[in-house]
Amino acid sequence: MREAVASLKDTELLKVEVGDLKSINNTLKTKLQEAQESLKSNENLITYLNKQLNEKPGVTKPPTSAAFKPSFTAVE
């Protein structure tokens, strides 16, 4: 009889624990979805800003490291 009562208590505790874990899981899923949406939004903003920067008339692009060759003069 005691074993049956203990088993029922254990079952109830496990049900509560499962419910808590499901709640945590749902919260984490929501946070993940929000983070993915934020990431996509940030990617779109970066793409837009890059287009604006590259298409702006009269703005010259800075030299790339391969094209930039500094000239050093000897200081006496």
N, C-alpha and C. Protein backbone atom coordinates (compact mmCIF):
# COMPACT_ATOMS: atom_id res chain seq x y z
N MET A 1 0.82 -1.19 0.00
CA MET A 1 0.00 0.00 0.00
C MET A 1 0.87 1.26 0.00
N ARG A 2 1.90 1.28 0.85
CA ARG A 2 2.79 2.43 0.90
C ARG A 2 3.49 2.64 -0.44
N GLU A 3 3.85 1.54 -1.04
CA GLU A 3 4.53 1.63 -2.34
C GLU A 3 3.62 2.25 -3.39
N ALA A 4 2.34 1.93 -3.36
CA ALA A 4 1.39 2.49 -4.32
C ALA A 4 1.23 3.99 -4.10
N VAL A 5 1.17 4.42 -2.85
CA VAL A 5 1.04 5.85 -2.54
C VAL A 5 2.30 6.58 -2.97
N ALA A 6 3.46 5.99 -2.69
CA ALA A 6 4.73 6.60 -3.08
C ALA A 6 4.83 6.68 -4.60
N SER A 7 4.36 5.64 -5.26
CA SER A 7 4.39 5.63 -6.72
C SER A 7 3.47 6.71 -7.29
N LEU A 8 2.32 6.91 -6.70
CA LEU A 8 1.39 7.95 -7.14
C LEU A 8 2.00 9.34 -6.93
N LYS A 9 2.66 9.54 -5.80
CA LYS A 9 3.31 10.83 -5.52
C LYS A 9 4.42 11.09 -6.54
N ASP A 10 5.19 10.04 -6.82
CA ASP A 10 6.26 10.18 -7.81
C ASP A 10 5.69 10.53 -9.18
N THR A 11 4.58 9.87 -9.54
CA THR A 11 3.94 10.13 -10.82
C THR A 11 3.46 11.58 -10.90
N GLU A 12 2.86 12.06 -9.83
CA GLU A 12 2.37 13.44 -9.81
C GLU A 12 3.54 14.43 -9.89
N LEU A 13 4.62 14.15 -9.20
CA LEU A 13 5.80 15.02 -9.25
C LEU A 13 6.38 15.05 -10.66
N LEU A 14 6.41 13.90 -11.30
CA LEU A 14 6.93 13.84 -12.67
C LEU A 14 6.02 14.59 -13.63
N LYS A 15 4.70 14.52 -13.42
CA LYS A 15 3.77 15.26 -14.28
C LYS A 15 4.00 16.77 -14.13
N VAL A 16 4.21 17.22 -12.90
CA VAL A 16 4.48 18.64 -12.67
C VAL A 16 5.79 19.03 -13.33
N GLU A 17 6.80 18.19 -13.19
CA GLU A 17 8.10 18.47 -13.80
C GLU A 17 7.99 18.53 -15.33
N VAL A 18 7.25 17.61 -15.91
CA VAL A 18 7.05 17.61 -17.36
C VAL A 18 6.34 18.89 -17.79
N GLY A 19 5.34 19.30 -17.03
CA GLY A 19 4.63 20.54 -17.34
C GLY A 19 5.56 21.74 -17.28
N ASP A 20 6.41 21.80 -16.27
CA ASP A 20 7.38 22.89 -16.16
C ASP A 20 8.36 22.88 -17.34
N LEU A 21 8.82 21.70 -17.70
CA LEU A 21 9.77 21.60 -18.82
C LEU A 21 9.10 21.99 -20.15
N LYS A 22 7.84 21.65 -20.32
CA LYS A 22 7.12 22.05 -21.53
C LYS A 22 6.99 23.57 -21.58
N SER A 23 6.73 24.18 -20.44
CA SER A 23 6.61 25.63 -20.38
C SER A 23 7.94 26.30 -20.73
N ILE A 24 9.02 25.78 -20.16
CA ILE A 24 10.36 26.30 -20.47
C ILE A 24 10.67 26.12 -21.95
N ASN A 25 10.32 24.96 -22.49
CA ASN A 25 10.55 24.67 -23.91
C ASN A 25 9.81 25.68 -24.79
N ASN A 26 8.56 25.96 -24.46
CA ASN A 26 7.78 26.92 -25.25
C ASN A 26 8.38 28.31 -25.17
N THR A 27 8.84 28.70 -23.99
CA THR A 27 9.48 30.00 -23.82
C THR A 27 10.75 30.09 -24.67
N LEU A 28 11.55 29.05 -24.66
CA LEU A 28 12.78 29.05 -25.44
C LEU A 28 12.50 29.05 -26.94
N LYS A 29 11.46 28.36 -27.36
CA LYS A 29 11.08 28.38 -28.78
C LYS A 29 10.70 29.79 -29.20
N THR A 30 9.93 30.47 -28.36
CA THR A 30 9.53 31.84 -28.66
C THR A 30 10.73 32.76 -28.75
N LYS A 31 11.65 32.64 -27.79
CA LYS A 31 12.85 33.47 -27.80
C LYS A 31 13.71 33.19 -29.04
N LEU A 32 13.81 31.93 -29.42
CA LEU A 32 14.57 31.57 -30.61
C LEU A 32 13.95 32.18 -31.86
N GLN A 33 12.64 32.11 -31.97
CA GLN A 33 11.95 32.68 -33.12
C GLN A 33 12.16 34.20 -33.17
N GLU A 34 12.08 34.86 -32.02
CA GLU A 34 12.30 36.30 -31.97
C GLU A 34 13.74 36.65 -32.37
N ALA A 35 14.70 35.85 -31.92
CA ALA A 35 16.10 36.10 -32.27
C ALA A 35 16.33 35.90 -33.76
N GLN A 36 15.70 34.88 -34.34
CA GLN A 36 15.84 34.65 -35.77
C GLN A 36 15.23 35.79 -36.58
N GLU A 37 14.09 36.31 -36.13
CA GLU A 37 13.46 37.44 -36.81
C GLU A 37 14.34 38.69 -36.70
N SER A 38 14.92 38.89 -35.54
CA SER A 38 15.81 40.04 -35.33
C SER A 38 17.04 39.92 -36.21
N LEU A 39 17.58 38.73 -36.32
CA LEU A 39 18.74 38.49 -37.17
C LEU A 39 18.41 38.79 -38.62
N LYS A 40 17.27 38.34 -39.09
CA LYS A 40 16.85 38.59 -40.47
C LYS A 40 16.67 40.08 -40.71
N SER A 41 16.08 40.75 -39.76
CA SER A 41 15.88 42.20 -39.87
C SER A 41 17.23 42.92 -39.93
N ASN A 42 18.16 42.50 -39.11
CA ASN A 42 19.50 43.11 -39.12
C ASN A 42 20.21 42.85 -40.44
N GLU A 43 20.06 41.65 -40.98
CA GLU A 43 20.67 41.34 -42.28
C GLU A 43 20.08 42.23 -43.37
N ASN A 44 18.76 42.43 -43.34
CA ASN A 44 18.11 43.30 -44.32
C ASN A 44 18.61 44.73 -44.19
N LEU A 45 18.76 45.21 -42.97
CA LEU A 45 19.24 46.56 -42.75
C LEU A 45 20.67 46.73 -43.26
N ILE A 46 21.53 45.76 -42.99
CA ILE A 46 22.91 45.81 -43.46
C ILE A 46 22.95 45.83 -44.98
N THR A 47 22.14 45.00 -45.62
CA THR A 47 22.07 44.97 -47.08
C THR A 47 21.63 46.33 -47.62
N TYR A 48 20.60 46.89 -47.02
CA TYR A 48 20.09 48.20 -47.45
C TYR A 48 21.17 49.27 -47.29
N LEU A 49 21.83 49.29 -46.13
CA LEU A 49 22.86 50.32 -45.90
C LEU A 49 24.04 50.15 -46.84
N ASN A 50 24.42 48.93 -47.13
CA ASN A 50 25.50 48.69 -48.09
C ASN A 50 25.12 49.20 -49.47
N LYS A 51 23.87 48.97 -49.88
CA LYS A 51 23.42 49.48 -51.18
C LYS A 51 23.46 51.00 -51.20
N GLN A 52 22.99 51.61 -50.14
CA GLN A 52 23.00 53.07 -50.06
C GLN A 52 24.42 53.61 -50.14
N LEU A 53 25.32 52.97 -49.44
CA LEU A 53 26.71 53.40 -49.42
C LEU A 53 27.36 53.23 -50.79
N ASN A 54 27.11 52.11 -51.44
CA ASN A 54 27.74 51.82 -52.73
C ASN A 54 27.11 52.57 -53.90
N GLU A 55 25.86 52.99 -53.77
CA GLU A 55 25.17 53.66 -54.87
C GLU A 55 25.20 55.18 -54.75
N LYS A 56 25.75 55.72 -53.68
CA LYS A 56 25.75 57.16 -53.47
C LYS A 56 26.67 57.82 -54.49
N PRO A 57 26.15 58.74 -55.31
CA PRO A 57 26.99 59.37 -56.34
C PRO A 57 28.02 60.31 -55.71
N GLY A 58 29.19 60.35 -56.35
CA GLY A 58 30.25 61.25 -55.90
C GLY A 58 31.07 60.72 -54.74
N VAL A 59 30.74 59.56 -54.27
CA VAL A 59 31.51 59.00 -53.17
C VAL A 59 32.45 57.96 -53.75
N THR A 60 33.72 58.15 -53.47
CA THR A 60 34.70 57.17 -53.96
C THR A 60 34.92 56.12 -52.90
N LYS A 61 35.15 54.95 -53.35
CA LYS A 61 35.40 53.85 -52.44
C LYS A 61 36.84 53.95 -51.93
N PRO A 62 37.07 53.63 -50.68
CA PRO A 62 38.44 53.63 -50.19
C PRO A 62 39.23 52.51 -50.85
N PRO A 63 40.54 52.69 -51.00
CA PRO A 63 41.33 51.63 -51.64
C PRO A 63 41.31 50.36 -50.81
N THR A 64 41.34 49.25 -51.51
CA THR A 64 41.41 47.97 -50.81
C THR A 64 42.85 47.70 -50.42
N SER A 65 43.07 46.78 -49.56
CA SER A 65 44.42 46.51 -49.09
C SER A 65 45.33 46.04 -50.21
N ALA A 66 44.79 45.36 -51.22
CA ALA A 66 45.61 44.88 -52.33
C ALA A 66 46.03 46.04 -53.23
N ALA A 67 45.17 47.04 -53.38
CA ALA A 67 45.48 48.16 -54.26
C ALA A 67 46.26 49.25 -53.53
N PHE A 68 46.21 49.27 -52.22
CA PHE A 68 46.87 50.32 -51.47
C PHE A 68 48.33 49.96 -51.24
N LYS A 69 49.21 50.78 -51.74
CA LYS A 69 50.63 50.56 -51.56
C LYS A 69 51.24 51.84 -51.01
N PRO A 70 51.48 51.88 -49.71
CA PRO A 70 52.03 53.09 -49.12
C PRO A 70 53.46 53.34 -49.60
N SER A 71 53.78 54.61 -49.74
CA SER A 71 55.16 54.93 -50.13
C SER A 71 55.82 55.60 -48.94
N PHE A 72 56.95 55.08 -48.61
CA PHE A 72 57.71 55.60 -47.48
C PHE A 72 58.92 56.36 -48.01
N THR A 73 59.16 57.51 -47.44
CA THR A 73 60.36 58.26 -47.81
C THR A 73 61.30 58.23 -46.63
N ALA A 74 62.53 58.23 -46.93
CA ALA A 74 63.54 58.20 -45.88
C ALA A 74 63.56 59.54 -45.16
N VAL A 75 63.59 59.49 -43.86
CA VAL A 75 63.67 60.71 -43.07
C VAL A 75 65.11 60.86 -42.63
N GLU A 76 65.65 62.03 -42.91
CA GLU A 76 67.07 62.24 -42.57
C GLU A 76 67.20 63.10 -41.36
